[in-house]
Amino acid sequence: MILTGLKIAQEVCQQRIRITPFEDSLINPNSYNFRLGDCIKVYSRDCIDMKASNPYDTLRIDQEHGILLHPNQLYLCSTYEEIGSDYYVPLIGGRSSTGRLGLFVHITAPLGDIGYHGRWTLQLKATIPLRVYARQKIGQVIFVVPKGEISLYTGKYNNKVAPQEYLHV
């Protein structure tokens, strides 16, 4: 069962869902719009090694001038909002208006773990050159009622406040 926008707002008030900062204007009929954070990471090597820590450059996204995304480049960004719940399973997706501009908001991993709290890392990929801006609406999150015993996420990516690069273990 997917929560309605009104129910999401109620659960935020009851602290069963955390969306910080929360704005009523970002509620949809059955989701909540999230915004793009102001930090972006770009791997600095042409080849990324899954068995190693990979170097990256960190850039700032300006609210006024934005940053130009180029095709064939992976950009790691984060949501502006911290989002999470110990009671519901969050799922993220791009907004249809973002998709109409040729931007993939996350390449994979739309399913969040129950118990995860923090800013979500987004894997942005533009199909054409595209300028994006900090704090613009870029995606949406829905919350699903779990069925069964809940085991909260306690992994290495929890409570992050910046885009998180791949962490080799």
Protein backbone atom coordinates (compact mmCIF):
# COMPACT_ATOMS: atom_id res chain seq x y z
CA MET A 1 0.00 0.00 0.00
CA ILE A 2 1.36 3.44 -1.01
CA LEU A 3 0.74 6.40 1.29
CA THR A 4 -1.16 9.38 -0.07
CA GLY A 5 0.38 12.84 0.05
CA LEU A 6 -1.93 13.80 2.90
CA LYS A 7 -0.91 10.70 4.85
CA ILE A 8 2.79 11.46 4.22
CA ALA A 9 2.26 14.93 5.73
CA GLN A 10 0.46 13.43 8.74
CA GLU A 11 3.24 10.88 9.30
CA VAL A 12 5.86 13.67 9.12
CA CYS A 13 3.94 15.52 11.86
CA GLN A 14 3.85 12.33 13.94
CA GLN A 15 7.61 11.81 13.28
CA ARG A 16 7.06 8.42 11.65
CA ILE A 17 8.52 9.84 8.43
CA ARG A 18 11.40 12.30 8.45
CA ILE A 19 11.65 14.86 5.67
CA THR A 20 13.85 17.78 6.68
CA PRO A 21 13.20 20.49 5.66
CA PHE A 22 9.55 19.74 4.93
CA GLU A 23 7.32 22.00 2.84
CA ASP A 24 3.61 21.47 2.26
CA SER A 25 3.97 22.85 -1.29
CA LEU A 26 6.03 19.80 -2.28
CA ILE A 27 3.28 17.27 -1.48
CA ASN A 28 1.76 15.42 -4.45
CA PRO A 29 -1.33 13.15 -4.44
CA ASN A 30 0.77 10.09 -3.49
CA SER A 31 4.37 11.33 -3.18
CA TYR A 32 6.62 14.14 -2.01
CA ASN A 33 8.86 16.11 -4.37
CA PHE A 34 12.48 16.27 -3.29
CA ARG A 35 15.05 18.81 -4.41
CA LEU A 36 18.63 18.70 -5.62
CA GLY A 37 21.33 19.46 -3.06
CA ASP A 38 24.17 21.89 -3.69
CA CYS A 39 27.08 19.45 -3.91
CA ILE A 40 28.11 17.23 -6.82
CA LYS A 41 30.86 14.61 -7.12
CA VAL A 42 32.47 13.48 -10.37
CA TYR A 43 34.92 10.60 -10.57
CA SER A 44 38.24 11.95 -11.81
CA ARG A 45 39.47 8.83 -13.61
CA ASP A 46 38.25 7.50 -16.93
CA CYS A 47 38.10 3.99 -15.50
CA ILE A 48 36.44 3.24 -12.16
CA ASP A 49 37.70 0.19 -10.26
CA MET A 50 35.10 -1.69 -8.18
CA LYS A 51 37.86 -3.14 -5.96
CA ALA A 52 39.36 0.22 -5.04
CA SER A 53 38.57 3.65 -3.69
CA ASN A 54 38.22 5.94 -6.69
CA PRO A 55 39.28 9.60 -6.68
CA TYR A 56 36.67 12.23 -7.39
CA ASP A 57 36.25 15.98 -7.65
CA THR A 58 33.67 17.80 -5.53
CA LEU A 59 31.90 20.79 -7.07
CA ARG A 60 29.23 23.18 -5.83
CA ILE A 61 25.92 23.70 -7.65
CA ASP A 62 24.87 27.32 -7.58
CA GLN A 63 21.18 28.24 -7.17
CA GLU A 64 21.49 31.13 -9.61
CA HIS A 65 23.88 29.82 -12.28
CA GLY A 66 23.57 26.07 -11.81
CA ILE A 67 25.99 23.58 -13.28
CA LEU A 68 26.09 22.12 -16.79
CA LEU A 69 25.76 18.34 -16.99
CA HIS A 70 27.33 16.64 -19.99
CA PRO A 71 26.22 13.38 -21.63
CA ASN A 72 28.27 10.24 -20.92
CA GLN A 73 29.28 11.49 -17.49
CA LEU A 74 28.12 10.17 -14.12
CA TYR A 75 27.32 12.79 -11.49
CA LEU A 76 26.77 11.91 -7.84
CA CYS A 77 24.50 14.41 -6.11
CA SER A 78 22.32 14.30 -3.05
CA THR A 79 18.83 15.31 -2.17
CA TYR A 80 18.48 18.66 -0.44
CA GLU A 81 16.15 17.03 2.08
CA GLU A 82 17.07 14.39 4.62
CA ILE A 83 14.54 11.61 4.13
CA GLY A 84 13.87 8.41 6.04
CA SER A 85 11.51 6.29 8.10
CA ASP A 86 11.61 3.46 10.59
CA TYR A 87 8.00 2.58 9.69
CA TYR A 88 7.72 2.81 5.88
CA VAL A 89 9.80 1.77 2.89
CA PRO A 90 10.84 4.78 0.78
CA LEU A 91 11.11 4.56 -3.01
CA ILE A 92 12.56 7.37 -5.12
CA GLY A 93 12.06 8.24 -8.74
CA GLY A 94 12.55 11.07 -11.14
CA ARG A 95 9.75 13.50 -11.86
CA SER A 96 8.18 13.14 -15.32
CA SER A 97 9.11 16.77 -16.05
CA THR A 98 12.76 15.95 -15.31
CA GLY A 99 12.59 12.96 -17.62
CA ARG A 100 11.19 15.15 -20.39
CA LEU A 101 14.49 17.06 -20.23
CA GLY A 102 16.50 13.87 -20.76
CA LEU A 103 17.78 13.55 -17.21
CA PHE A 104 17.98 10.25 -15.35
CA VAL A 105 17.75 11.06 -11.64
CA HIS A 106 18.97 7.69 -10.47
CA ILE A 107 20.49 5.03 -12.64
CA THR A 108 19.66 2.28 -10.17
CA ALA A 109 18.60 1.73 -6.57
CA PRO A 110 15.17 3.34 -6.26
CA LEU A 111 14.42 1.18 -3.21
CA GLY A 112 15.44 2.64 0.12
CA ASP A 113 15.88 0.57 3.22
CA ILE A 114 13.52 0.99 6.11
CA GLY A 115 15.58 2.62 8.84
CA TYR A 116 17.78 4.63 6.46
CA HIS A 117 17.90 8.32 7.33
CA GLY A 118 19.85 10.99 5.51
CA ARG A 119 20.27 12.71 2.20
CA TRP A 120 19.91 10.28 -0.67
CA THR A 121 22.70 9.95 -3.19
CA LEU A 122 21.41 10.44 -6.72
CA GLN A 123 23.21 9.10 -9.77
CA LEU A 124 22.51 11.75 -12.41
CA LYS A 125 23.00 11.12 -16.11
CA ALA A 126 22.03 13.62 -18.79
CA THR A 127 21.20 12.43 -22.31
CA ILE A 128 21.88 15.92 -23.71
CA PRO A 129 23.76 18.90 -22.20
CA LEU A 130 21.55 20.17 -19.38
CA ARG A 131 21.94 22.86 -16.73
CA VAL A 132 20.62 21.98 -13.27
CA TYR A 133 20.30 24.15 -10.17
CA ALA A 134 20.61 23.57 -6.45
CA ARG A 135 17.26 23.17 -4.66
CA GLN A 136 15.24 22.66 -7.82
CA LYS A 137 12.57 19.94 -7.71
CA ILE A 138 14.18 16.92 -9.32
CA GLY A 139 12.48 13.77 -8.06
CA GLN A 140 9.84 12.29 -5.82
CA VAL A 141 9.66 9.84 -2.97
CA ILE A 142 6.81 7.50 -2.16
CA PHE A 143 6.36 5.51 1.03
CA VAL A 144 5.13 1.93 1.07
CA VAL A 145 3.68 0.05 4.05
CA PRO A 146 5.87 -2.99 4.81
CA LYS A 147 4.38 -6.38 5.61
CA GLY A 148 6.22 -8.59 8.06
CA GLU A 149 8.78 -8.13 10.79
CA ILE A 150 10.85 -4.96 10.39
CA SER A 151 14.64 -5.06 10.54
CA LEU A 152 16.08 -1.53 10.39
CA TYR A 153 18.97 -0.61 8.07
CA THR A 154 22.25 0.00 9.90
CA GLY A 155 24.64 -0.03 6.94
CA LYS A 156 27.61 2.09 5.94
CA TYR A 157 25.61 4.67 3.98
CA ASN A 158 23.26 5.68 6.83
CA ASN A 159 23.03 9.30 8.05
CA LYS A 160 24.96 10.79 5.13
CA VAL A 161 24.64 14.51 4.44
CA ALA A 162 26.55 14.70 1.14
CA PRO A 163 26.56 12.62 -2.03
CA GLN A 164 28.25 9.34 -1.22
CA GLU A 165 30.73 7.82 -3.60
CA TYR A 166 31.11 4.06 -3.90
CA LEU A 167 32.59 2.67 -0.70
CA HIS A 168 34.76 -0.34 -1.41
CA VAL A 169 34.73 -2.84 1.45
